[in-house]
Amino acid sequence: MIRVLSTVLILAGLAASGTVLGVNAAEEGGAMNNARLDQLIRRLEGIEGEIEGRPGFWRFDVRGFQAYVITDERADRMRIMVPVAAAEGLGKDALNRVMQANFDTALDARYAIAQGALWSAFIHPLSALGEDEFFAGFEQTVTLAATYGTSYSSGALKFGGGDAPPGSPEDAPEAEDKEL
């Protein structure tokens, strides 16, 4: 319990200082916008085929998943989204499990339901988005989609303190060493 509380306090301090995901946009020399974001998207590794869309709406395939990056400059919002499964077929147990993952193992990406689908999503204010935050958020979003049904994890770390089912992959002994 003390280890978890210490971790929470350390992460809260890092978040307050803006260092959890790296340098923010203000420290990089300006606010993020659609033009800068377009350049970052084109630097992503593993894109299969063409990037479709227009400024504010990009769609492309990466590692066998469709990925969307959507912005609204006037509302200062950006979201990275990857469809995971049809929402209609999700039972109570599956919905409960993704909610547990949102607390424990999803980190900065989250599971969400919209437009009849379960999505992996990373949502952030656009102008404050830094390059490192974008790349980390993108990686977490794709990883969270890829681990649906297994570890429900957006990466190698687990925040902990939740109630994931006993024996789930994130509770394996080797995962304890990676816990924040």
Protein backbone atom coordinates (compact mmCIF):
# COMPACT_ATOMS: atom_id res chain seq x y z
CA MET A 1 0.00 0.00 0.00
CA ILE A 2 2.81 2.40 0.87
CA ARG A 3 4.54 1.56 -2.43
CA VAL A 4 1.38 2.39 -4.38
CA LEU A 5 0.83 5.64 -2.44
CA SER A 6 4.47 6.65 -2.99
CA THR A 7 4.08 5.96 -6.70
CA VAL A 8 0.91 8.06 -6.86
CA LEU A 9 2.64 10.98 -5.15
CA ILE A 10 5.70 10.75 -7.41
CA LEU A 11 3.55 10.61 -10.55
CA ALA A 12 1.41 13.50 -9.34
CA GLY A 13 4.55 15.57 -8.89
CA LEU A 14 5.84 14.63 -12.33
CA ALA A 15 2.48 15.41 -13.91
CA ALA A 16 2.40 18.80 -12.21
CA SER A 17 5.86 19.54 -13.57
CA GLY A 18 4.88 18.39 -17.08
CA THR A 19 7.53 15.65 -17.29
CA VAL A 20 5.48 12.45 -17.33
CA LEU A 21 5.34 12.09 -21.11
CA GLY A 22 8.20 14.41 -22.02
CA VAL A 23 8.55 17.96 -23.23
CA ASN A 24 5.35 19.88 -23.79
CA ALA A 25 4.60 22.11 -26.79
CA ALA A 26 5.46 25.35 -25.00
CA GLU A 27 8.95 24.03 -24.23
CA GLU A 28 9.39 22.89 -27.85
CA GLY A 29 8.90 26.36 -29.28
CA GLY A 30 5.23 26.84 -29.96
CA ALA A 31 1.73 25.52 -29.84
CA MET A 32 0.81 22.37 -31.72
CA ASN A 33 -1.45 22.88 -34.72
CA ASN A 34 -2.66 20.83 -37.69
CA ALA A 35 0.40 21.67 -39.83
CA ARG A 36 2.88 20.53 -37.16
CA LEU A 37 0.75 17.48 -36.35
CA ASP A 38 0.71 16.49 -40.03
CA GLN A 39 4.53 16.45 -39.98
CA LEU A 40 4.55 14.26 -36.86
CA ILE A 41 2.05 11.80 -38.34
CA ARG A 42 4.28 11.41 -41.40
CA ARG A 43 7.19 10.52 -39.08
CA LEU A 44 5.31 7.64 -37.41
CA GLU A 45 6.91 4.25 -37.89
CA GLY A 46 5.01 1.28 -39.26
CA ILE A 47 2.43 3.10 -41.41
CA GLU A 48 1.12 0.70 -44.05
CA GLY A 49 0.04 2.38 -47.29
CA GLU A 50 -1.09 5.97 -47.69
CA ILE A 51 -2.18 8.50 -45.11
CA GLU A 52 -5.70 9.58 -46.09
CA GLY A 53 -7.66 12.64 -45.09
CA ARG A 54 -7.05 16.32 -44.65
CA PRO A 55 -5.74 18.64 -41.93
CA GLY A 56 -7.78 17.85 -38.84
CA PHE A 57 -8.68 14.31 -39.96
CA TRP A 58 -6.10 11.68 -40.83
CA ARG A 59 -6.71 7.94 -41.36
CA PHE A 60 -4.06 5.30 -41.96
CA ASP A 61 -3.17 1.69 -41.20
CA VAL A 62 -0.47 0.76 -38.74
CA ARG A 63 0.49 -2.73 -37.53
CA GLY A 64 -2.77 -4.20 -38.82
CA PHE A 65 -5.01 -1.54 -37.22
CA GLN A 66 -6.84 1.46 -38.63
CA ALA A 67 -5.75 4.61 -36.84
CA TYR A 68 -7.43 8.00 -36.82
CA VAL A 69 -6.03 11.33 -35.65
CA ILE A 70 -8.74 13.97 -35.35
CA THR A 71 -8.37 17.58 -34.25
CA ASP A 72 -10.49 20.64 -33.69
CA GLU A 73 -8.22 23.69 -33.55
CA ARG A 74 -11.04 26.00 -32.39
CA ALA A 75 -11.86 23.70 -29.45
CA ASP A 76 -8.13 23.01 -28.89
CA ARG A 77 -8.62 19.21 -28.85
CA MET A 78 -6.85 16.26 -30.43
CA ARG A 79 -7.66 12.58 -30.28
CA ILE A 80 -5.94 9.48 -31.55
CA MET A 81 -8.39 6.60 -32.04
CA VAL A 82 -8.10 2.95 -33.01
CA PRO A 83 -11.25 0.79 -33.38
CA VAL A 84 -10.98 -2.38 -31.30
CA ALA A 85 -14.29 -4.30 -31.49
CA ALA A 86 -18.00 -3.88 -32.13
CA ALA A 87 -19.65 -2.50 -29.01
CA GLU A 88 -22.89 -4.41 -29.60
CA GLY A 89 -21.37 -7.79 -28.77
CA LEU A 90 -19.61 -6.71 -25.58
CA GLY A 91 -21.03 -8.38 -22.51
CA LYS A 92 -21.04 -7.13 -18.94
CA ASP A 93 -17.78 -8.97 -18.14
CA ALA A 94 -15.97 -7.45 -21.13
CA LEU A 95 -17.19 -3.95 -20.26
CA ASN A 96 -16.14 -4.43 -16.65
CA ARG A 97 -12.70 -5.62 -17.75
CA VAL A 98 -12.01 -2.61 -19.98
CA MET A 99 -13.08 -0.29 -17.15
CA GLN A 100 -10.62 -2.06 -14.84
CA ALA A 101 -7.93 -1.62 -17.49
CA ASN A 102 -8.69 2.11 -17.68
CA PHE A 103 -7.76 2.27 -13.99
CA ASP A 104 -4.73 -0.09 -13.95
CA THR A 105 -3.06 -0.79 -17.24
CA ALA A 106 -4.30 1.63 -19.90
CA LEU A 107 -2.13 4.51 -18.59
CA ASP A 108 -2.68 7.58 -20.85
CA ALA A 109 -4.73 5.83 -23.55
CA ARG A 110 -8.25 4.66 -22.64
CA TYR A 111 -10.96 2.34 -23.85
CA ALA A 112 -14.12 4.18 -24.91
CA ILE A 113 -17.38 3.41 -26.69
CA ALA A 114 -18.71 5.59 -29.50
CA GLN A 115 -20.48 5.11 -32.83
CA GLY A 116 -21.18 1.42 -32.13
CA ALA A 117 -17.54 0.52 -31.51
CA LEU A 118 -15.11 -0.02 -28.66
CA TRP A 119 -12.13 2.26 -29.27
CA SER A 120 -8.67 2.75 -27.87
CA ALA A 121 -8.22 6.52 -27.58
CA PHE A 122 -5.75 9.17 -26.43
CA ILE A 123 -7.26 12.64 -25.97
CA HIS A 124 -5.23 15.78 -25.31
CA PRO A 125 -5.45 19.57 -25.67
CA LEU A 126 -4.00 20.27 -29.13
CA SER A 127 -2.02 23.44 -28.45
CA ALA A 128 -0.23 21.96 -25.41
CA LEU A 129 0.61 18.67 -27.16
CA GLY A 130 4.36 18.07 -27.44
CA GLU A 131 6.09 15.80 -29.91
CA ASP A 132 7.05 13.28 -27.23
CA GLU A 133 3.48 13.29 -25.88
CA PHE A 134 2.08 12.66 -29.36
CA PHE A 135 4.44 9.76 -30.09
CA ALA A 136 3.93 8.20 -26.64
CA GLY A 137 0.15 8.65 -26.85
CA PHE A 138 0.06 7.11 -30.31
CA GLU A 139 2.12 4.11 -29.22
CA GLN A 140 -0.06 3.58 -26.15
CA THR A 141 -3.25 3.78 -28.24
CA VAL A 142 -2.12 1.15 -30.76
CA THR A 143 -0.71 -1.09 -28.01
CA LEU A 144 -3.96 -0.87 -26.01
CA ALA A 145 -5.92 -1.99 -29.08
CA ALA A 146 -3.46 -4.83 -29.73
CA THR A 147 -3.67 -6.15 -26.15
CA TYR A 148 -7.47 -6.16 -25.93
CA GLY A 149 -8.50 -9.62 -24.73
CA THR A 150 -5.10 -10.41 -23.20
CA SER A 151 -3.27 -7.94 -20.92
CA TYR A 152 -5.44 -4.88 -21.72
CA SER A 153 -2.25 -2.82 -21.44
CA SER A 154 -1.05 0.29 -23.24
CA GLY A 155 2.58 -0.56 -22.55
CA ALA A 156 5.09 -2.24 -20.30
CA LEU A 157 3.98 -0.51 -17.10
CA LYS A 158 1.07 -1.07 -14.75
CA PHE A 159 -0.08 1.67 -12.40
CA GLY A 160 -1.72 -0.79 -10.01
CA GLY A 161 -4.05 -0.32 -7.10
CA GLY A 162 -7.10 -1.57 -8.99
CA ASP A 163 -9.00 -4.80 -8.98
CA ALA A 164 -7.92 -6.61 -12.13
CA PRO A 165 -8.95 -10.27 -11.95
CA PRO A 166 -6.51 -12.55 -10.07
CA GLY A 167 -4.25 -14.36 -12.49
CA SER A 168 -4.71 -11.82 -15.27
CA PRO A 169 -1.56 -11.21 -17.34
CA GLU A 170 -0.88 -7.88 -15.64
CA ASP A 171 -0.80 -9.64 -12.26
CA ALA A 172 1.86 -12.13 -13.33
CA PRO A 173 5.02 -12.09 -11.14
CA GLU A 174 7.21 -10.73 -13.95
CA ALA A 175 4.84 -7.74 -14.30
CA GLU A 176 5.39 -6.74 -10.66
CA ASP A 177 8.90 -5.51 -11.42
CA LYS A 178 7.48 -3.16 -14.07
CA GLU A 179 4.84 -1.67 -11.79
CA LEU A 180 5.07 2.11 -11.35
